[in-house]
Amino acid sequence: MAERYKRYLTSGVTTETLVYTAPDDGVVGNLGPANSVIIGLLVASTSASSGELTVELVDHASAGGGAPKTVRLAHTIPLPASTSVDLIPGKLVVQSGDNSAATPALTGDKINVTSTQSCDITISVVERV
């Protein structure tokens, strides 16, 4: 499989906002989940006031047919005014695949960001093509 490097931008985040969804490989029941690697997630405050930031990863599959599992990558961390924070300086694998529902469908892991002050998000990712 080939890979491509992409960048995703979201500006003006002030409430819980979906900033990335792992792309699927287009085939339910394929050999396995499609994997992408987030190689950087940068949050830049665009406010003159400091705030707090929460970043969550929502799993693509339902837990036993229930709601998808949500994991906090960062929880109410300080976001100083007019600065930036590098939240994922390493690598984070995100997946897309069968959602484990009674009628299977392709879904992808999601990254949600919540901020109490306005901020911009830049995500750098390597996606499987």
N, C-alpha and C. Protein backbone atom coordinates (compact mmCIF):
# COMPACT_ATOMS: atom_id res chain seq x y z
N MET A 1 0.83 -1.19 0.00
CA MET A 1 0.00 0.00 0.00
C MET A 1 0.87 1.25 0.00
N ALA A 2 0.40 2.22 -0.69
CA ALA A 2 1.10 3.51 -0.74
C ALA A 2 0.62 4.38 0.42
N GLU A 3 1.41 5.40 0.72
CA GLU A 3 1.06 6.34 1.78
C GLU A 3 1.12 7.76 1.23
N ARG A 4 0.35 8.64 1.85
CA ARG A 4 0.41 10.05 1.48
C ARG A 4 0.47 10.88 2.75
N TYR A 5 1.19 11.98 2.67
CA TYR A 5 1.29 12.92 3.78
C TYR A 5 0.26 14.01 3.54
N LYS A 6 -0.54 14.31 4.60
CA LYS A 6 -1.57 15.34 4.47
C LYS A 6 -1.57 16.22 5.70
N ARG A 7 -2.15 17.40 5.53
CA ARG A 7 -2.30 18.34 6.63
C ARG A 7 -3.76 18.77 6.68
N TYR A 8 -4.30 18.86 7.87
CA TYR A 8 -5.69 19.29 8.07
C TYR A 8 -5.69 20.50 8.99
N LEU A 9 -6.46 21.52 8.63
CA LEU A 9 -6.54 22.75 9.41
C LEU A 9 -7.97 22.99 9.87
N THR A 10 -8.12 23.41 11.12
CA THR A 10 -9.42 23.82 11.66
C THR A 10 -9.19 25.11 12.43
N SER A 11 -9.94 26.13 12.11
CA SER A 11 -9.73 27.41 12.80
C SER A 11 -10.96 27.81 13.60
N GLY A 12 -10.72 28.62 14.63
CA GLY A 12 -11.81 29.17 15.43
C GLY A 12 -12.49 28.18 16.35
N VAL A 13 -11.78 27.18 16.84
CA VAL A 13 -12.38 26.17 17.73
C VAL A 13 -12.64 26.81 19.09
N THR A 14 -13.90 26.75 19.55
CA THR A 14 -14.25 27.26 20.88
C THR A 14 -15.14 26.30 21.65
N THR A 15 -15.67 25.29 20.99
CA THR A 15 -16.50 24.27 21.65
C THR A 15 -15.98 22.92 21.18
N GLU A 16 -16.62 21.83 21.59
CA GLU A 16 -16.18 20.51 21.12
C GLU A 16 -16.32 20.46 19.60
N THR A 17 -15.22 20.18 18.92
CA THR A 17 -15.17 20.22 17.47
C THR A 17 -14.46 18.98 16.93
N LEU A 18 -15.06 18.32 15.96
CA LEU A 18 -14.42 17.21 15.27
C LEU A 18 -13.35 17.79 14.35
N VAL A 19 -12.08 17.42 14.56
CA VAL A 19 -11.00 17.98 13.76
C VAL A 19 -10.36 16.96 12.83
N TYR A 20 -10.61 15.65 13.04
CA TYR A 20 -10.06 14.64 12.13
C TYR A 20 -10.85 13.35 12.25
N THR A 21 -11.11 12.72 11.10
CA THR A 21 -11.70 11.39 11.05
C THR A 21 -10.81 10.53 10.17
N ALA A 22 -10.40 9.38 10.68
CA ALA A 22 -9.55 8.48 9.91
C ALA A 22 -10.31 8.02 8.67
N PRO A 23 -9.69 8.10 7.49
CA PRO A 23 -10.37 7.68 6.27
C PRO A 23 -10.48 6.16 6.19
N ASP A 24 -11.54 5.67 5.54
CA ASP A 24 -11.69 4.22 5.42
C ASP A 24 -11.12 3.75 4.08
N ASP A 25 -10.98 2.42 3.97
CA ASP A 25 -10.42 1.86 2.74
C ASP A 25 -11.49 1.48 1.73
N GLY A 26 -12.76 1.79 2.07
CA GLY A 26 -13.84 1.63 1.11
C GLY A 26 -14.49 0.27 1.01
N VAL A 27 -14.05 -0.71 1.82
CA VAL A 27 -14.60 -2.06 1.68
C VAL A 27 -14.92 -2.64 3.06
N VAL A 28 -16.21 -2.88 3.35
CA VAL A 28 -16.59 -3.54 4.60
C VAL A 28 -16.08 -4.97 4.54
N GLY A 29 -15.47 -5.43 5.63
CA GLY A 29 -14.97 -6.80 5.69
C GLY A 29 -13.65 -6.99 4.97
N ASN A 30 -12.95 -5.91 4.66
CA ASN A 30 -11.65 -6.02 4.03
C ASN A 30 -10.70 -6.73 4.99
N LEU A 31 -9.48 -6.96 4.59
CA LEU A 31 -8.54 -7.75 5.37
C LEU A 31 -8.25 -7.20 6.75
N GLY A 32 -8.49 -5.97 6.99
CA GLY A 32 -8.23 -5.38 8.30
C GLY A 32 -8.53 -3.91 8.26
N PRO A 33 -8.37 -3.25 9.40
CA PRO A 33 -8.66 -1.82 9.43
C PRO A 33 -7.63 -1.03 8.64
N ALA A 34 -8.06 0.09 8.10
CA ALA A 34 -7.14 1.01 7.46
C ALA A 34 -6.47 1.82 8.57
N ASN A 35 -5.18 1.97 8.47
CA ASN A 35 -4.42 2.69 9.50
C ASN A 35 -3.88 4.00 8.97
N SER A 36 -3.91 5.01 9.80
CA SER A 36 -3.27 6.29 9.52
C SER A 36 -2.44 6.62 10.75
N VAL A 37 -1.43 7.46 10.57
CA VAL A 37 -0.58 7.85 11.69
C VAL A 37 -0.56 9.36 11.78
N ILE A 38 -1.01 9.87 12.93
CA ILE A 38 -0.92 11.30 13.17
C ILE A 38 0.50 11.57 13.65
N ILE A 39 1.21 12.41 12.93
CA ILE A 39 2.60 12.69 13.28
C ILE A 39 2.75 14.05 13.97
N GLY A 40 1.66 14.78 14.10
CA GLY A 40 1.70 16.04 14.82
C GLY A 40 0.33 16.64 14.96
N LEU A 41 0.04 17.20 16.14
CA LEU A 41 -1.20 17.93 16.37
C LEU A 41 -0.81 19.19 17.14
N LEU A 42 -0.91 20.32 16.46
CA LEU A 42 -0.50 21.60 17.02
C LEU A 42 -1.73 22.46 17.26
N VAL A 43 -1.85 23.00 18.47
CA VAL A 43 -2.96 23.89 18.82
C VAL A 43 -2.38 25.27 19.07
N ALA A 44 -2.90 26.27 18.38
CA ALA A 44 -2.43 27.65 18.53
C ALA A 44 -3.57 28.51 19.07
N SER A 45 -3.35 29.13 20.21
CA SER A 45 -4.34 30.03 20.79
C SER A 45 -4.46 31.28 19.92
N THR A 46 -5.68 31.69 19.65
CA THR A 46 -5.91 32.92 18.90
C THR A 46 -6.62 33.95 19.79
N SER A 47 -6.52 33.73 21.10
CA SER A 47 -7.20 34.58 22.07
C SER A 47 -6.18 35.34 22.92
N ALA A 48 -6.57 36.49 23.40
CA ALA A 48 -5.74 37.27 24.31
C ALA A 48 -5.88 36.77 25.75
N SER A 49 -6.78 35.80 25.96
CA SER A 49 -6.99 35.23 27.29
C SER A 49 -6.57 33.77 27.30
N SER A 50 -6.06 33.31 28.44
CA SER A 50 -5.70 31.90 28.55
C SER A 50 -6.96 31.05 28.71
N GLY A 51 -6.84 29.78 28.39
CA GLY A 51 -7.99 28.88 28.49
C GLY A 51 -7.54 27.48 28.80
N GLU A 52 -8.44 26.52 28.59
CA GLU A 52 -8.15 25.11 28.80
C GLU A 52 -8.53 24.33 27.56
N LEU A 53 -7.87 23.19 27.39
CA LEU A 53 -8.00 22.41 26.18
C LEU A 53 -8.18 20.94 26.52
N THR A 54 -9.08 20.26 25.83
CA THR A 54 -9.27 18.82 25.97
C THR A 54 -9.25 18.21 24.58
N VAL A 55 -8.52 17.10 24.44
CA VAL A 55 -8.45 16.38 23.17
C VAL A 55 -8.87 14.94 23.43
N GLU A 56 -9.81 14.43 22.61
CA GLU A 56 -10.33 13.07 22.79
C GLU A 56 -10.21 12.27 21.50
N LEU A 57 -9.96 10.97 21.66
CA LEU A 57 -9.96 10.01 20.57
C LEU A 57 -11.19 9.14 20.74
N VAL A 58 -12.07 9.12 19.73
CA VAL A 58 -13.28 8.30 19.76
C VAL A 58 -13.05 7.11 18.84
N ASP A 59 -13.12 5.90 19.41
CA ASP A 59 -12.86 4.66 18.68
C ASP A 59 -13.87 4.45 17.56
N HIS A 60 -13.42 3.85 16.46
CA HIS A 60 -14.30 3.61 15.32
C HIS A 60 -15.30 2.49 15.57
N ALA A 61 -14.98 1.58 16.47
CA ALA A 61 -15.85 0.42 16.71
C ALA A 61 -16.65 0.59 17.99
N SER A 62 -17.85 0.08 17.99
CA SER A 62 -18.68 0.10 19.18
C SER A 62 -18.16 -0.94 20.16
N ALA A 63 -18.23 -0.63 21.44
CA ALA A 63 -17.80 -1.56 22.47
C ALA A 63 -18.95 -2.52 22.78
N GLY A 64 -18.89 -3.73 22.24
CA GLY A 64 -19.94 -4.71 22.49
C GLY A 64 -21.29 -4.28 21.97
N GLY A 65 -21.33 -3.53 20.89
CA GLY A 65 -22.58 -3.08 20.30
C GLY A 65 -23.10 -1.79 20.92
N GLY A 66 -22.42 -1.28 21.94
CA GLY A 66 -22.84 -0.04 22.59
C GLY A 66 -22.19 1.17 21.95
N ALA A 67 -22.00 2.18 22.74
CA ALA A 67 -21.37 3.41 22.25
C ALA A 67 -19.88 3.20 22.06
N PRO A 68 -19.29 3.88 21.09
CA PRO A 68 -17.84 3.80 20.90
C PRO A 68 -17.09 4.31 22.14
N LYS A 69 -15.93 3.71 22.41
CA LYS A 69 -15.11 4.12 23.55
C LYS A 69 -14.43 5.44 23.24
N THR A 70 -14.41 6.34 24.22
CA THR A 70 -13.74 7.63 24.09
C THR A 70 -12.59 7.66 25.08
N VAL A 71 -11.40 8.05 24.58
CA VAL A 71 -10.20 8.13 25.41
C VAL A 71 -9.69 9.56 25.37
N ARG A 72 -9.37 10.12 26.50
CA ARG A 72 -8.82 11.47 26.55
C ARG A 72 -7.32 11.42 26.31
N LEU A 73 -6.87 12.17 25.33
CA LEU A 73 -5.44 12.30 25.07
C LEU A 73 -4.86 13.45 25.89
N ALA A 74 -5.68 14.44 26.16
CA ALA A 74 -5.32 15.58 27.02
C ALA A 74 -6.61 16.06 27.66
N HIS A 75 -6.56 16.37 28.95
CA HIS A 75 -7.79 16.76 29.65
C HIS A 75 -7.56 18.07 30.41
N THR A 76 -8.28 19.07 30.03
CA THR A 76 -8.25 20.41 30.63
C THR A 76 -6.82 20.90 30.90
N ILE A 77 -5.97 20.78 29.89
CA ILE A 77 -4.61 21.30 30.04
C ILE A 77 -4.62 22.80 29.76
N PRO A 78 -3.70 23.54 30.34
CA PRO A 78 -3.68 24.99 30.12
C PRO A 78 -3.33 25.34 28.67
N LEU A 79 -4.01 26.31 28.14
CA LEU A 79 -3.70 26.86 26.82
C LEU A 79 -3.43 28.35 27.03
N PRO A 80 -2.14 28.71 27.19
CA PRO A 80 -1.80 30.11 27.42
C PRO A 80 -2.22 30.99 26.26
N ALA A 81 -2.50 32.25 26.55
CA ALA A 81 -2.91 33.21 25.52
C ALA A 81 -1.81 33.40 24.49
N SER A 82 -2.22 33.47 23.23
CA SER A 82 -1.33 33.79 22.10
C SER A 82 -0.09 32.90 22.02
N THR A 83 -0.23 31.62 22.33
CA THR A 83 0.87 30.67 22.22
C THR A 83 0.39 29.42 21.49
N SER A 84 1.28 28.47 21.30
CA SER A 84 0.89 27.19 20.70
C SER A 84 1.37 26.04 21.57
N VAL A 85 0.69 24.91 21.46
CA VAL A 85 1.00 23.71 22.21
C VAL A 85 1.07 22.55 21.23
N ASP A 86 2.17 21.79 21.27
CA ASP A 86 2.33 20.61 20.43
C ASP A 86 1.84 19.42 21.24
N LEU A 87 0.67 18.89 20.89
CA LEU A 87 0.04 17.86 21.73
C LEU A 87 0.43 16.44 21.36
N ILE A 88 0.75 16.19 20.11
CA ILE A 88 1.16 14.84 19.72
C ILE A 88 2.49 14.96 18.99
N PRO A 89 3.58 15.10 19.75
CA PRO A 89 4.87 15.29 19.11
C PRO A 89 5.43 14.00 18.51
N GLY A 90 4.84 12.87 18.83
CA GLY A 90 5.31 11.58 18.31
C GLY A 90 4.35 11.05 17.28
N LYS A 91 3.93 9.81 17.47
CA LYS A 91 3.04 9.17 16.52
C LYS A 91 1.81 8.63 17.25
N LEU A 92 0.65 8.73 16.61
CA LEU A 92 -0.59 8.18 17.14
C LEU A 92 -1.28 7.46 16.00
N VAL A 93 -1.46 6.15 16.12
CA VAL A 93 -2.13 5.38 15.08
C VAL A 93 -3.63 5.51 15.27
N VAL A 94 -4.33 5.87 14.21
CA VAL A 94 -5.79 5.90 14.20
C VAL A 94 -6.26 4.94 13.12
N GLN A 95 -7.44 4.36 13.33
CA GLN A 95 -7.91 3.32 12.43
C GLN A 95 -9.29 3.63 11.88
N SER A 96 -9.61 2.92 10.81
CA SER A 96 -10.94 2.94 10.24
C SER A 96 -11.29 1.49 9.94
N GLY A 97 -12.52 1.14 10.16
CA GLY A 97 -12.92 -0.23 9.89
C GLY A 97 -14.38 -0.45 10.22
N ASP A 98 -14.75 -1.71 10.33
CA ASP A 98 -16.11 -2.14 10.64
C ASP A 98 -16.48 -1.61 12.03
N ASN A 99 -17.66 -1.01 12.15
CA ASN A 99 -18.07 -0.42 13.42
C ASN A 99 -18.65 -1.42 14.42
N SER A 100 -18.64 -2.72 14.11
CA SER A 100 -19.11 -3.79 15.00
C SER A 100 -20.61 -3.71 15.28
N ALA A 101 -21.37 -3.02 14.44
CA ALA A 101 -22.82 -2.93 14.63
C ALA A 101 -23.49 -4.14 14.00
N ALA A 102 -24.80 -4.33 14.27
CA ALA A 102 -25.55 -5.44 13.70
C ALA A 102 -25.50 -5.38 12.17
N THR A 103 -25.60 -4.19 11.60
CA THR A 103 -25.40 -3.98 10.17
C THR A 103 -24.08 -3.24 10.03
N PRO A 104 -23.00 -3.97 9.66
CA PRO A 104 -21.68 -3.35 9.64
C PRO A 104 -21.59 -2.17 8.67
N ALA A 105 -20.85 -1.17 9.09
CA ALA A 105 -20.58 0.00 8.27
C ALA A 105 -19.15 0.44 8.55
N LEU A 106 -18.55 1.10 7.58
CA LEU A 106 -17.21 1.62 7.77
C LEU A 106 -17.26 2.94 8.52
N THR A 107 -16.46 3.05 9.55
CA THR A 107 -16.33 4.30 10.29
C THR A 107 -14.86 4.48 10.64
N GLY A 108 -14.49 5.68 11.00
CA GLY A 108 -13.10 5.96 11.36
C GLY A 108 -12.99 6.53 12.76
N ASP A 109 -11.84 6.29 13.38
CA ASP A 109 -11.55 6.96 14.65
C ASP A 109 -11.67 8.46 14.45
N LYS A 110 -12.09 9.15 15.49
CA LYS A 110 -12.29 10.59 15.41
C LYS A 110 -11.45 11.29 16.49
N ILE A 111 -10.95 12.46 16.15
CA ILE A 111 -10.25 13.31 17.11
C ILE A 111 -11.11 14.55 17.33
N ASN A 112 -11.53 14.76 18.58
CA ASN A 112 -12.32 15.93 18.96
C ASN A 112 -11.48 16.84 19.84
N VAL A 113 -11.59 18.14 19.63
CA VAL A 113 -10.90 19.13 20.45
C VAL A 113 -11.94 20.06 21.06
N THR A 114 -11.82 20.31 22.35
CA THR A 114 -12.67 21.27 23.05
C THR A 114 -11.77 22.32 23.68
N SER A 115 -12.09 23.58 23.47
CA SER A 115 -11.30 24.67 24.02
C SER A 115 -12.21 25.71 24.63
N THR A 116 -11.76 26.31 25.74
CA THR A 116 -12.56 27.36 26.37
C THR A 116 -12.27 28.73 25.76
N GLN A 117 -11.21 28.82 24.96
CA GLN A 117 -10.87 30.05 24.23
C GLN A 117 -10.63 29.69 22.77
N SER A 118 -10.73 30.65 21.89
CA SER A 118 -10.55 30.40 20.46
C SER A 118 -9.14 29.90 20.16
N CYS A 119 -9.06 28.85 19.30
CA CYS A 119 -7.76 28.32 18.90
C CYS A 119 -7.86 27.73 17.49
N ASP A 120 -6.70 27.56 16.88
CA ASP A 120 -6.58 26.93 15.57
C ASP A 120 -5.85 25.61 15.73
N ILE A 121 -6.23 24.62 14.93
CA ILE A 121 -5.66 23.27 15.01
C ILE A 121 -5.01 22.92 13.68
N THR A 122 -3.78 22.38 13.76
CA THR A 122 -3.10 21.85 12.58
C THR A 122 -2.74 20.41 12.88
N ILE A 123 -3.17 19.49 12.00
CA ILE A 123 -2.87 18.07 12.17
C ILE A 123 -2.08 17.61 10.95
N SER A 124 -0.94 16.97 11.20
CA SER A 124 -0.14 16.36 10.14
C SER A 124 -0.31 14.85 10.26
N VAL A 125 -0.56 14.20 9.12
CA VAL A 125 -0.89 12.78 9.15
C VAL A 125 -0.31 12.05 7.93
N VAL A 126 -0.01 10.78 8.14
CA VAL A 126 0.36 9.88 7.04
C VAL A 126 -0.81 8.92 6.88
N GLU A 127 -1.44 8.91 5.71
CA GLU A 127 -2.61 8.06 5.45
C GLU A 127 -2.27 6.99 4.44
N ARG A 128 -2.84 5.81 4.66
CA ARG A 128 -2.70 4.72 3.69
C ARG A 128 -3.59 5.02 2.50
N VAL A 129 -3.07 4.82 1.30
CA VAL A 129 -3.84 5.08 0.07
C VAL A 129 -4.27 3.77 -0.53
